[in-house]
Amino acid sequence: MKVYKKETVQYINASLEDCWAFFSSPQNLQKITPSDMGFIITDYDGKSMYAGQIIQYKVSPLLGIKLRWVTEITQVKDHSYFIDEQRFGPYTLWHHKHFFETTPQGVKMTDIVHYALPLGILGRIMNTLVVQSKLKTIFNFREKAVNEIFNA
C-alpha cells in the first residue's frame, strides 16, 4: 500500500481561541469545502469536538457520485491539535492532523494528511491523475475561504 502525504500551512489573523472555536466545530466544515464536493454532514451529535466523536458525511468528489464518509475524531488537545481518521469511505487510509499555534504572524495552522487509496496500481494511477490535484484544489479553496473569514 502506497501512503501519500499532503501538508499545508496557513497563518490566520485571529486569536487562537477564535480559530479553535471555528475549526473544532464540525458544522463549519461545509463553509470551507468547495460546493462542487456536495459535502453534507448527515449525522453528528452537535457537540464540540471530542475524542471518540463520530461524524458522518455524504460527498461527491468525482463525477457527482455520492459517497458515504465516516470519520472519528481520535485525539484532541484543546487549543493545540486534533486528529480525524476515516472509519468508512473512499480511502484505504485517511489520517488528518490539524495543529494550531500562536506566532508573531498570527495563528499558524498546519494540516498533515496521510492517505492511501484502494486498488493497488489503479489507486496509484488515480492518485496521479485525479486525487492529488483534487486534494490540492480542496486545500486551496479552504485557504481562500479561511482568508475571507479571518483575514479580510
Protein backbone atom coordinates (compact mmCIF):
# COMPACT_ATOMS: atom_id res chain seq x y z
CA MET A 1 0.00 0.00 0.00
CA LYS A 2 1.40 3.37 -1.07
CA VAL A 3 0.83 6.10 1.55
CA TYR A 4 0.81 9.71 0.37
CA LYS A 5 1.31 12.87 2.40
CA LYS A 6 -0.21 16.32 1.91
CA GLU A 7 0.92 19.16 4.18
CA THR A 8 -0.27 22.76 4.25
CA VAL A 9 0.49 25.75 6.47
CA GLN A 10 -1.64 28.87 6.76
CA TYR A 11 -1.36 31.93 9.01
CA ILE A 12 -4.61 33.29 10.36
CA ASN A 13 -5.14 36.82 11.62
CA ALA A 14 -7.22 35.86 14.66
CA SER A 15 -6.82 34.72 18.23
CA LEU A 16 -6.08 31.11 19.00
CA GLU A 17 -9.43 30.96 20.83
CA ASP A 18 -11.36 32.16 17.75
CA CYS A 19 -9.50 29.76 15.44
CA TRP A 20 -10.07 26.85 17.77
CA ALA A 21 -13.76 27.66 18.16
CA PHE A 22 -14.20 27.72 14.38
CA PHE A 23 -12.13 24.68 13.36
CA SER A 24 -13.20 22.43 16.23
CA SER A 25 -16.86 22.80 15.25
CA PRO A 26 -17.78 20.15 12.65
CA GLN A 27 -20.64 22.28 11.32
CA ASN A 28 -18.07 24.78 9.96
CA LEU A 29 -16.55 22.17 7.63
CA GLN A 30 -19.10 22.92 4.94
CA LYS A 31 -18.09 26.61 4.94
CA ILE A 32 -14.53 25.73 3.94
CA THR A 33 -15.28 22.92 1.48
CA PRO A 34 -15.89 23.58 -2.24
CA SER A 35 -19.60 23.37 -3.11
CA ASP A 36 -18.87 21.04 -6.04
CA MET A 37 -17.90 18.39 -3.48
CA GLY A 38 -21.56 18.07 -2.47
CA PHE A 39 -20.39 17.94 1.15
CA ILE A 40 -23.21 17.39 3.64
CA ILE A 41 -22.97 16.31 7.27
CA THR A 42 -25.61 13.61 7.67
CA ASP A 43 -25.06 12.78 11.34
CA TYR A 44 -23.15 14.08 14.31
CA ASP A 45 -24.12 14.70 17.89
CA GLY A 46 -23.97 18.52 17.73
CA LYS A 47 -21.35 18.72 20.47
CA SER A 48 -17.99 20.46 20.40
CA MET A 49 -15.23 18.22 19.18
CA TYR A 50 -14.04 15.43 21.48
CA ALA A 51 -12.02 12.23 21.14
CA GLY A 52 -14.29 9.42 20.00
CA GLN A 53 -16.76 11.68 18.19
CA ILE A 54 -18.16 10.11 15.01
CA ILE A 55 -19.18 12.36 12.11
CA GLN A 56 -20.96 11.06 9.01
CA TYR A 57 -20.99 12.86 5.65
CA LYS A 58 -22.02 12.48 2.07
CA VAL A 59 -19.55 13.76 -0.50
CA SER A 60 -19.44 13.77 -4.29
CA PRO A 61 -15.73 14.07 -5.03
CA LEU A 62 -15.84 12.79 -8.60
CA LEU A 63 -18.43 12.90 -11.39
CA GLY A 64 -21.25 13.70 -8.94
CA ILE A 65 -21.09 10.18 -7.49
CA LYS A 66 -22.34 10.34 -3.87
CA LEU A 67 -20.21 8.53 -1.31
CA ARG A 68 -20.66 7.98 2.40
CA TRP A 69 -17.76 9.06 4.56
CA VAL A 70 -17.48 8.35 8.29
CA THR A 71 -14.70 9.89 10.37
CA GLU A 72 -13.77 9.64 14.01
CA ILE A 73 -12.06 12.36 15.98
CA THR A 74 -9.39 10.21 17.59
CA GLN A 75 -7.39 12.79 19.55
CA VAL A 76 -7.96 16.33 20.80
CA LYS A 77 -5.68 18.63 22.77
CA ASP A 78 -7.69 21.77 23.42
CA HIS A 79 -6.37 24.83 21.53
CA SER A 80 -3.45 22.80 20.17
CA TYR A 81 -4.43 19.97 17.80
CA PHE A 82 -6.97 17.39 16.77
CA ILE A 83 -6.84 14.31 14.58
CA ASP A 84 -9.57 12.84 12.43
CA GLU A 85 -9.42 9.40 10.84
CA GLN A 86 -11.67 7.84 8.25
CA ARG A 87 -13.61 4.83 9.51
CA PHE A 88 -15.57 4.25 6.29
CA GLY A 89 -15.19 5.95 2.93
CA PRO A 90 -13.24 6.26 -0.29
CA TYR A 91 -9.72 5.93 1.15
CA THR A 92 -7.89 2.87 2.45
CA LEU A 93 -6.23 5.24 4.93
CA TRP A 94 -7.14 8.82 5.89
CA HIS A 95 -5.32 10.30 8.88
CA HIS A 96 -5.62 14.09 9.17
CA LYS A 97 -3.76 16.08 11.83
CA HIS A 98 -4.71 19.74 12.47
CA PHE A 99 -2.22 21.80 14.52
CA PHE A 100 -2.69 25.35 15.86
CA GLU A 101 -0.03 27.57 17.41
CA THR A 102 0.26 31.25 18.20
CA THR A 103 3.09 33.03 16.36
CA PRO A 104 4.01 36.69 15.75
CA GLN A 105 2.47 36.31 12.24
CA GLY A 106 -0.84 35.08 13.66
CA VAL A 107 -2.14 31.60 14.38
CA LYS A 108 -0.18 29.06 12.42
CA MET A 109 -2.47 26.28 11.24
CA THR A 110 -0.72 23.19 9.93
CA ASP A 111 -2.57 20.32 8.30
CA ILE A 112 -0.88 17.00 7.67
CA VAL A 113 -2.84 14.34 5.82
CA HIS A 114 -1.60 10.81 5.25
CA TYR A 115 -3.79 8.88 2.86
CA ALA A 116 -3.82 5.72 0.78
CA LEU A 117 -6.12 4.55 -1.97
CA PRO A 118 -7.54 1.11 -2.66
CA LEU A 119 -6.94 -0.95 -5.81
CA GLY A 120 -3.14 -1.12 -5.82
CA ILE A 121 -1.67 0.14 -9.09
CA LEU A 122 -5.05 1.51 -10.19
CA GLY A 123 -5.19 3.54 -6.97
CA ARG A 124 -1.71 4.91 -7.65
CA ILE A 125 -2.76 5.87 -11.17
CA MET A 126 -5.93 7.53 -9.81
CA ASN A 127 -3.83 9.46 -7.31
CA THR A 128 -1.60 10.78 -10.08
CA LEU A 129 -4.44 11.58 -12.48
CA VAL A 130 -7.17 12.81 -10.10
CA VAL A 131 -6.80 12.59 -6.32
CA GLN A 132 -3.61 14.64 -5.86
CA SER A 133 -4.97 17.58 -7.83
CA LYS A 134 -8.42 17.28 -6.21
CA LEU A 135 -6.87 17.49 -2.74
CA LYS A 136 -4.79 20.47 -3.86
CA THR A 137 -7.96 22.17 -5.13
CA ILE A 138 -9.80 21.46 -1.86
CA PHE A 139 -6.98 22.82 0.30
CA ASN A 140 -6.55 25.88 -1.95
CA PHE A 141 -10.28 26.56 -1.64
CA ARG A 142 -10.06 26.15 2.10
CA GLU A 143 -7.13 28.58 2.33
CA LYS A 144 -9.11 31.19 0.38
CA ALA A 145 -12.27 30.62 2.46
CA VAL A 146 -10.33 30.90 5.72
CA ASN A 147 -8.70 34.12 4.47
CA GLU A 148 -12.13 35.55 3.68
CA ILE A 149 -13.48 34.58 7.11
CA PHE A 150 -10.50 35.69 9.24
CA ASN A 151 -8.08 37.79 7.21
CA ALA A 152 -10.45 40.11 5.32
